[in-house]
Amino acid sequence: MSDRITFNPNQCGGRPCVRGMRIRVKDVLDLLAARVPQAEILEDYPYLEAADIDACLEYAAMDADHPVLLAH
């Protein structure tokens, strides 16, 4: 995943992107959340690869796995 998900403070506001391109991880995740089939995403974005979509999902899973601290 590390070579597919990139961060650049001068691109997309420093948000995680796919392989240095101007497509954010969030863009891919939004398409998947809208139930757009992977084949359609790859057709609409021919510069993406199936492994890029997998990396976005892996990144989201890792990003969601953090403790939540509540103030009392």
PDB file of N, CA and C in Angstrom:
ATOM      1  N   MET A   1       0.828  -1.195   0.000  1.00  0.00           N
ATOM      2  CA  MET A   1       0.000   0.000   0.000  1.00  0.00           C
ATOM      3  C   MET A   1       0.868   1.253   0.000  1.00  0.00           C
ATOM      4  N   SER A   2       1.987   1.248   0.698  1.00  0.00           N
ATOM      5  CA  SER A   2       2.751   2.471   0.888  1.00  0.00           C
ATOM      6  C   SER A   2       3.207   3.101  -0.421  1.00  0.00           C
ATOM      7  N   ASP A   3       3.420   2.312  -1.457  1.00  0.00           N
ATOM      8  CA  ASP A   3       3.850   2.909  -2.717  1.00  0.00           C
ATOM      9  C   ASP A   3       2.664   3.383  -3.552  1.00  0.00           C
ATOM     10  N   ARG A   4       1.466   3.027  -3.174  1.00  0.00           N
ATOM     11  CA  ARG A   4       0.276   3.420  -3.932  1.00  0.00           C
ATOM     12  C   ARG A   4      -0.440   4.616  -3.322  1.00  0.00           C
ATOM     13  N   ILE A   5      -0.359   4.776  -2.025  1.00  0.00           N
ATOM     14  CA  ILE A   5      -1.004   5.910  -1.350  1.00  0.00           C
ATOM     15  C   ILE A   5       0.094   6.922  -1.021  1.00  0.00           C
ATOM     16  N   THR A   6      -0.043   8.126  -1.561  1.00  0.00           N
ATOM     17  CA  THR A   6       0.990   9.137  -1.407  1.00  0.00           C
ATOM     18  C   THR A   6       0.425  10.396  -0.753  1.00  0.00           C
ATOM     19  N   PHE A   7       1.328  11.160  -0.182  1.00  0.00           N
ATOM     20  CA  PHE A   7       0.976  12.420   0.476  1.00  0.00           C
ATOM     21  C   PHE A   7       1.903  13.501  -0.057  1.00  0.00           C
ATOM     22  N   ASN A   8       1.324  14.601  -0.477  1.00  0.00           N
ATOM     23  CA  ASN A   8       2.113  15.729  -0.964  1.00  0.00           C
ATOM     24  C   ASN A   8       1.417  16.997  -0.468  1.00  0.00           C
ATOM     25  N   PRO A   9       2.085  17.786   0.362  1.00  0.00           N
ATOM     26  CA  PRO A   9       1.439  18.987   0.906  1.00  0.00           C
ATOM     27  C   PRO A   9       1.036  19.991  -0.170  1.00  0.00           C
ATOM     28  N   ASN A  10       1.609  19.888  -1.372  1.00  0.00           N
ATOM     29  CA  ASN A  10       1.287  20.808  -2.459  1.00  0.00           C
ATOM     30  C   ASN A  10       0.241  20.261  -3.421  1.00  0.00           C
ATOM     31  N   GLN A  11      -0.357  19.147  -3.065  1.00  0.00           N
ATOM     32  CA  GLN A  11      -1.334  18.516  -3.958  1.00  0.00           C
ATOM     33  C   GLN A  11      -2.557  18.098  -3.154  1.00  0.00           C
ATOM     34  N   CYS A  12      -3.712  18.487  -3.609  1.00  0.00           N
ATOM     35  CA  CYS A  12      -4.984  18.112  -2.974  1.00  0.00           C
ATOM     36  C   CYS A  12      -4.995  18.428  -1.482  1.00  0.00           C
ATOM     37  N   GLY A  13      -4.385  19.533  -1.118  1.00  0.00           N
ATOM     38  CA  GLY A  13      -4.377  19.955   0.285  1.00  0.00           C
ATOM     39  C   GLY A  13      -3.654  18.996   1.211  1.00  0.00           C
ATOM     40  N   GLY A  14      -2.739  18.191   0.665  1.00  0.00           N
ATOM     41  CA  GLY A  14      -1.997  17.246   1.484  1.00  0.00           C
ATOM     42  C   GLY A  14      -2.760  15.978   1.809  1.00  0.00           C
ATOM     43  N   ARG A  15      -3.945  15.839   1.238  1.00  0.00           N
ATOM     44  CA  ARG A  15      -4.756  14.644   1.501  1.00  0.00           C
ATOM     45  C   ARG A  15      -4.143  13.438   0.785  1.00  0.00           C
ATOM     46  N   PRO A  16      -4.410  12.227   1.301  1.00  0.00           N
ATOM     47  CA  PRO A  16      -3.854  11.033   0.666  1.00  0.00           C
ATOM     48  C   PRO A  16      -4.399  10.859  -0.746  1.00  0.00           C
ATOM     49  N   CYS A  17      -3.491  10.586  -1.677  1.00  0.00           N
ATOM     50  CA  CYS A  17      -3.833  10.415  -3.085  1.00  0.00           C
ATOM     51  C   CYS A  17      -3.319   9.074  -3.582  1.00  0.00           C
ATOM     52  N   VAL A  18      -3.750   8.725  -4.772  1.00  0.00           N
ATOM     53  CA  VAL A  18      -3.331   7.473  -5.388  1.00  0.00           C
ATOM     54  C   VAL A  18      -2.124   7.731  -6.286  1.00  0.00           C
ATOM     55  N   ARG A  19      -1.015   7.099  -5.955  1.00  0.00           N
ATOM     56  CA  ARG A  19       0.226   7.118  -6.741  1.00  0.00           C
ATOM     57  C   ARG A  19       0.622   8.499  -7.252  1.00  0.00           C
ATOM     58  N   GLY A  20       0.453   9.512  -6.437  1.00  0.00           N
ATOM     59  CA  GLY A  20       0.889  10.861  -6.806  1.00  0.00           C
ATOM     60  C   GLY A  20      -0.023  11.558  -7.794  1.00  0.00           C
ATOM     61  N   MET A  21      -1.111  10.911  -8.168  1.00  0.00           N
ATOM     62  CA  MET A  21      -2.064  11.535  -9.096  1.00  0.00           C
ATOM     63  C   MET A  21      -3.034  12.398  -8.304  1.00  0.00           C
ATOM     64  N   ARG A  22      -3.810  13.163  -9.005  1.00  0.00           N
ATOM     65  CA  ARG A  22      -4.767  14.048  -8.342  1.00  0.00           C
ATOM     66  C   ARG A  22      -6.117  13.364  -8.132  1.00  0.00           C
ATOM     67  N   ILE A  23      -6.072  12.110  -7.771  1.00  0.00           N
ATOM     68  CA  ILE A  23      -7.288  11.427  -7.342  1.00  0.00           C
ATOM     69  C   ILE A  23      -7.065  11.007  -5.896  1.00  0.00           C
ATOM     70  N   ARG A  24      -7.937  11.541  -5.038  1.00  0.00           N
ATOM     71  CA  ARG A  24      -7.789  11.310  -3.608  1.00  0.00           C
ATOM     72  C   ARG A  24      -8.327   9.939  -3.229  1.00  0.00           C
ATOM     73  N   VAL A  25      -7.795   9.405  -2.153  1.00  0.00           N
ATOM     74  CA  VAL A  25      -8.318   8.154  -1.605  1.00  0.00           C
ATOM     75  C   VAL A  25      -9.814   8.316  -1.349  1.00  0.00           C
ATOM     76  N   LYS A  26     -10.206   9.469  -0.837  1.00  0.00           N
ATOM     77  CA  LYS A  26     -11.620   9.726  -0.537  1.00  0.00           C
ATOM     78  C   LYS A  26     -12.480   9.637  -1.796  1.00  0.00           C
ATOM     79  N   ASP A  27     -11.961  10.082  -2.929  1.00  0.00           N
ATOM     80  CA  ASP A  27     -12.729  10.002  -4.176  1.00  0.00           C
ATOM     81  C   ASP A  27     -13.053   8.549  -4.509  1.00  0.00           C
ATOM     82  N   VAL A  28     -12.058   7.694  -4.380  1.00  0.00           N
ATOM     83  CA  VAL A  28     -12.258   6.272  -4.663  1.00  0.00           C
ATOM     84  C   VAL A  28     -13.233   5.674  -3.651  1.00  0.00           C
ATOM     85  N   LEU A  29     -13.048   6.001  -2.378  1.00  0.00           N
ATOM     86  CA  LEU A  29     -13.934   5.468  -1.345  1.00  0.00           C
ATOM     87  C   LEU A  29     -15.371   5.950  -1.529  1.00  0.00           C
ATOM     88  N   ASP A  30     -15.545   7.200  -1.934  1.00  0.00           N
ATOM     89  CA  ASP A  30     -16.897   7.719  -2.192  1.00  0.00           C
ATOM     90  C   ASP A  30     -17.577   6.943  -3.317  1.00  0.00           C
ATOM     91  N   LEU A  31     -16.826   6.621  -4.357  1.00  0.00           N
ATOM     92  CA  LEU A  31     -17.391   5.829  -5.457  1.00  0.00           C
ATOM     93  C   LEU A  31     -17.790   4.448  -4.976  1.00  0.00           C
ATOM     94  N   LEU A  32     -16.935   3.815  -4.193  1.00  0.00           N
ATOM     95  CA  LEU A  32     -17.257   2.489  -3.666  1.00  0.00           C
ATOM     96  C   LEU A  32     -18.460   2.546  -2.731  1.00  0.00           C
ATOM     97  N   ALA A  33     -18.536   3.588  -1.906  1.00  0.00           N
ATOM     98  CA  ALA A  33     -19.664   3.745  -0.987  1.00  0.00           C
ATOM     99  C   ALA A  33     -20.971   3.952  -1.742  1.00  0.00           C
ATOM    100  N   ALA A  34     -20.876   4.550  -2.927  1.00  0.00           N
ATOM    101  CA  ALA A  34     -22.064   4.753  -3.764  1.00  0.00           C
ATOM    102  C   ALA A  34     -22.385   3.489  -4.573  1.00  0.00           C
ATOM    103  N   ARG A  35     -21.672   2.418  -4.266  1.00  0.00           N
ATOM    104  CA  ARG A  35     -21.883   1.107  -4.909  1.00  0.00           C
ATOM    105  C   ARG A  35     -21.557   1.094  -6.390  1.00  0.00           C
ATOM    106  N   VAL A  36     -20.634   1.959  -6.796  1.00  0.00           N
ATOM    107  CA  VAL A  36     -20.149   1.921  -8.176  1.00  0.00           C
ATOM    108  C   VAL A  36     -19.254   0.691  -8.280  1.00  0.00           C
ATOM    109  N   PRO A  37     -19.526  -0.201  -9.213  1.00  0.00           N
ATOM    110  CA  PRO A  37     -18.699  -1.407  -9.338  1.00  0.00           C
ATOM    111  C   PRO A  37     -17.246  -1.066  -9.672  1.00  0.00           C
ATOM    112  N   GLN A  38     -16.337  -1.877  -9.149  1.00  0.00           N
ATOM    113  CA  GLN A  38     -14.912  -1.650  -9.384  1.00  0.00           C
ATOM    114  C   GLN A  38     -14.608  -1.589 -10.877  1.00  0.00           C
ATOM    115  N   ALA A  39     -15.238  -2.446 -11.649  1.00  0.00           N
ATOM    116  CA  ALA A  39     -14.991  -2.453 -13.103  1.00  0.00           C
ATOM    117  C   ALA A  39     -15.368  -1.116 -13.730  1.00  0.00           C
ATOM    118  N   GLU A  40     -16.444  -0.506 -13.253  1.00  0.00           N
ATOM    119  CA  GLU A  40     -16.872   0.794 -13.784  1.00  0.00           C
ATOM    120  C   GLU A  40     -15.898   1.895 -13.378  1.00  0.00           C
ATOM    121  N   ILE A  41     -15.398   1.830 -12.149  1.00  0.00           N
ATOM    122  CA  ILE A  41     -14.415   2.819 -11.697  1.00  0.00           C
ATOM    123  C   ILE A  41     -13.173   2.730 -12.577  1.00  0.00           C
ATOM    124  N   LEU A  42     -12.712   1.517 -12.823  1.00  0.00           N
ATOM    125  CA  LEU A  42     -11.514   1.327 -13.640  1.00  0.00           C
ATOM    126  C   LEU A  42     -11.747   1.761 -15.078  1.00  0.00           C
ATOM    127  N   GLU A  43     -12.967   1.619 -15.553  1.00  0.00           N
ATOM    128  CA  GLU A  43     -13.293   2.068 -16.912  1.00  0.00           C
ATOM    129  C   GLU A  43     -13.329   3.592 -16.983  1.00  0.00           C
ATOM    130  N   ASP A  44     -13.925   4.216 -15.971  1.00  0.00           N
ATOM    131  CA  ASP A  44     -14.047   5.679 -15.945  1.00  0.00           C
ATOM    132  C   ASP A  44     -12.714   6.377 -15.656  1.00  0.00           C
ATOM    133  N   TYR A  45     -11.829   5.694 -14.936  1.00  0.00           N
ATOM    134  CA  TYR A  45     -10.517   6.232 -14.576  1.00  0.00           C
ATOM    135  C   TYR A  45      -9.459   5.242 -15.058  1.00  0.00           C
ATOM    136  N   PRO A  46      -9.148   5.244 -16.353  1.00  0.00           N
ATOM    137  CA  PRO A  46      -8.265   4.214 -16.922  1.00  0.00           C
ATOM    138  C   PRO A  46      -6.838   4.218 -16.372  1.00  0.00           C
ATOM    139  N   TYR A  47      -6.440   5.289 -15.710  1.00  0.00           N
ATOM    140  CA  TYR A  47      -5.101   5.335 -15.131  1.00  0.00           C
ATOM    141  C   TYR A  47      -5.055   4.663 -13.768  1.00  0.00           C
ATOM    142  N   LEU A  48      -6.216   4.299 -13.218  1.00  0.00           N
ATOM    143  CA  LEU A  48      -6.247   3.545 -11.963  1.00  0.00           C
ATOM    144  C   LEU A  48      -6.086   2.062 -12.255  1.00  0.00           C
ATOM    145  N   GLU A  49      -5.562   1.357 -11.275  1.00  0.00           N
ATOM    146  CA  GLU A  49      -5.424  -0.088 -11.357  1.00  0.00           C
ATOM    147  C   GLU A  49      -6.205  -0.706 -10.204  1.00  0.00           C
ATOM    148  N   ALA A  50      -6.573  -1.959 -10.361  1.00  0.00           N
ATOM    149  CA  ALA A  50      -7.322  -2.651  -9.310  1.00  0.00           C
ATOM    150  C   ALA A  50      -6.571  -2.597  -7.983  1.00  0.00           C
ATOM    151  N   ALA A  51      -5.258  -2.700  -8.042  1.00  0.00           N
ATOM    152  CA  ALA A  51      -4.453  -2.639  -6.815  1.00  0.00           C
ATOM    153  C   ALA A  51      -4.556  -1.269  -6.142  1.00  0.00           C
ATOM    154  N   ASP A  52      -4.822  -0.218  -6.908  1.00  0.00           N
ATOM    155  CA  ASP A  52      -5.020   1.117  -6.322  1.00  0.00           C
ATOM    156  C   ASP A  52      -6.288   1.136  -5.473  1.00  0.00           C
ATOM    157  N   ILE A  53      -7.334   0.518  -5.981  1.00  0.00           N
ATOM    158  CA  ILE A  53      -8.594   0.469  -5.238  1.00  0.00           C
ATOM    159  C   ILE A  53      -8.403  -0.341  -3.961  1.00  0.00           C
ATOM    160  N   ASP A  54      -7.715  -1.464  -4.071  1.00  0.00           N
ATOM    161  CA  ASP A  54      -7.419  -2.271  -2.885  1.00  0.00           C
ATOM    162  C   ASP A  54      -6.624  -1.468  -1.865  1.00  0.00           C
ATOM    163  N   ALA A  55      -5.652  -0.683  -2.335  1.00  0.00           N
ATOM    164  CA  ALA A  55      -4.835   0.130  -1.427  1.00  0.00           C
ATOM    165  C   ALA A  55      -5.683   1.187  -0.725  1.00  0.00           C
ATOM    166  N   CYS A  56      -6.651   1.754  -1.426  1.00  0.00           N
ATOM    167  CA  CYS A  56      -7.548   2.742  -0.807  1.00  0.00           C
ATOM    168  C   CYS A  56      -8.362   2.102   0.309  1.00  0.00           C
ATOM    169  N   LEU A  57      -8.862   0.912   0.066  1.00  0.00           N
ATOM    170  CA  LEU A  57      -9.625   0.204   1.089  1.00  0.00           C
ATOM    171  C   LEU A  57      -8.744  -0.151   2.284  1.00  0.00           C
ATOM    172  N   GLU A  58      -7.526  -0.588   2.014  1.00  0.00           N
ATOM    173  CA  GLU A  58      -6.592  -0.920   3.088  1.00  0.00           C
ATOM    174  C   GLU A  58      -6.262   0.326   3.903  1.00  0.00           C
ATOM    175  N   TYR A  59      -6.049   1.448   3.217  1.00  0.00           N
ATOM    176  CA  TYR A  59      -5.757   2.701   3.911  1.00  0.00           C
ATOM    177  C   TYR A  59      -6.935   3.094   4.810  1.00  0.00           C
ATOM    178  N   ALA A  60      -8.142   2.985   4.289  1.00  0.00           N
ATOM    179  CA  ALA A  60      -9.324   3.351   5.069  1.00  0.00           C
ATOM    180  C   ALA A  60      -9.462   2.452   6.299  1.00  0.00           C
ATOM    181  N   ALA A  61      -9.184   1.176   6.142  1.00  0.00           N
ATOM    182  CA  ALA A  61      -9.277   0.253   7.275  1.00  0.00           C
ATOM    183  C   ALA A  61      -8.246   0.614   8.344  1.00  0.00           C
ATOM    184  N   MET A  62      -7.035   0.931   7.918  1.00  0.00           N
ATOM    185  CA  MET A  62      -5.991   1.317   8.875  1.00  0.00           C
ATOM    186  C   MET A  62      -6.333   2.643   9.544  1.00  0.00           C
ATOM    187  N   ASP A  63      -6.869   3.589   8.770  1.00  0.00           N
ATOM    188  CA  ASP A  63      -7.188   4.915   9.299  1.00  0.00           C
ATOM    189  C   ASP A  63      -8.329   4.842  10.330  1.00  0.00           C
ATOM    190  N   ALA A  64      -9.214   3.876  10.157  1.00  0.00           N
ATOM    191  CA  ALA A  64     -10.358   3.746  11.053  1.00  0.00           C
ATOM    192  C   ALA A  64      -9.986   3.035  12.359  1.00  0.00           C
ATOM    193  N   ASP A  65      -8.816   2.436  12.408  1.00  0.00           N
ATOM    194  CA  ASP A  65      -8.415   1.653  13.574  1.00  0.00           C
ATOM    195  C   ASP A  65      -7.545   2.481  14.512  1.00  0.00           C
ATOM    196  N   HIS A  66      -8.195   3.364  15.249  1.00  0.00           N
ATOM    197  CA  HIS A  66      -7.474   4.162  16.240  1.00  0.00           C
ATOM    198  C   HIS A  66      -8.354   4.328  17.460  1.00  0.00           C
ATOM    199  N   PRO A  67      -7.754   4.488  18.617  1.00  0.00           N
ATOM    200  CA  PRO A  67      -8.556   4.640  19.824  1.00  0.00           C
ATOM    201  C   PRO A  67      -9.283   5.985  19.847  1.00  0.00           C
ATOM    202  N   VAL A  68     -10.420   5.990  20.462  1.00  0.00           N
ATOM    203  CA  VAL A  68     -11.186   7.212  20.666  1.00  0.00           C
ATOM    204  C   VAL A  68     -11.167   7.516  22.152  1.00  0.00           C
ATOM    205  N   LEU A  69     -10.633   8.662  22.485  1.00  0.00           N
ATOM    206  CA  LEU A  69     -10.545   9.063  23.892  1.00  0.00           C
ATOM    207  C   LEU A  69     -11.687  10.037  24.198  1.00  0.00           C
ATOM    208  N   LEU A  70     -12.402   9.741  25.243  1.00  0.00           N
ATOM    209  CA  LEU A  70     -13.527  10.573  25.639  1.00  0.00           C
ATOM    210  C   LEU A  70     -13.140  11.377  26.882  1.00  0.00           C
ATOM    211  N   ALA A  71     -13.474  12.639  26.884  1.00  0.00           N
ATOM    212  CA  ALA A  71     -13.216  13.480  28.051  1.00  0.00           C
ATOM    213  C   ALA A  71     -14.377  13.316  29.034  1.00  0.00           C
ATOM    214  N   HIS A  72     -14.043  13.236  30.296  1.00  0.00           N
ATOM    215  CA  HIS A  72     -15.095  13.088  31.332  1.00  0.00           C
ATOM    216  C   HIS A  72     -15.308  14.380  32.046  1.00  0.00           C
TER     217      HIS A  72
END
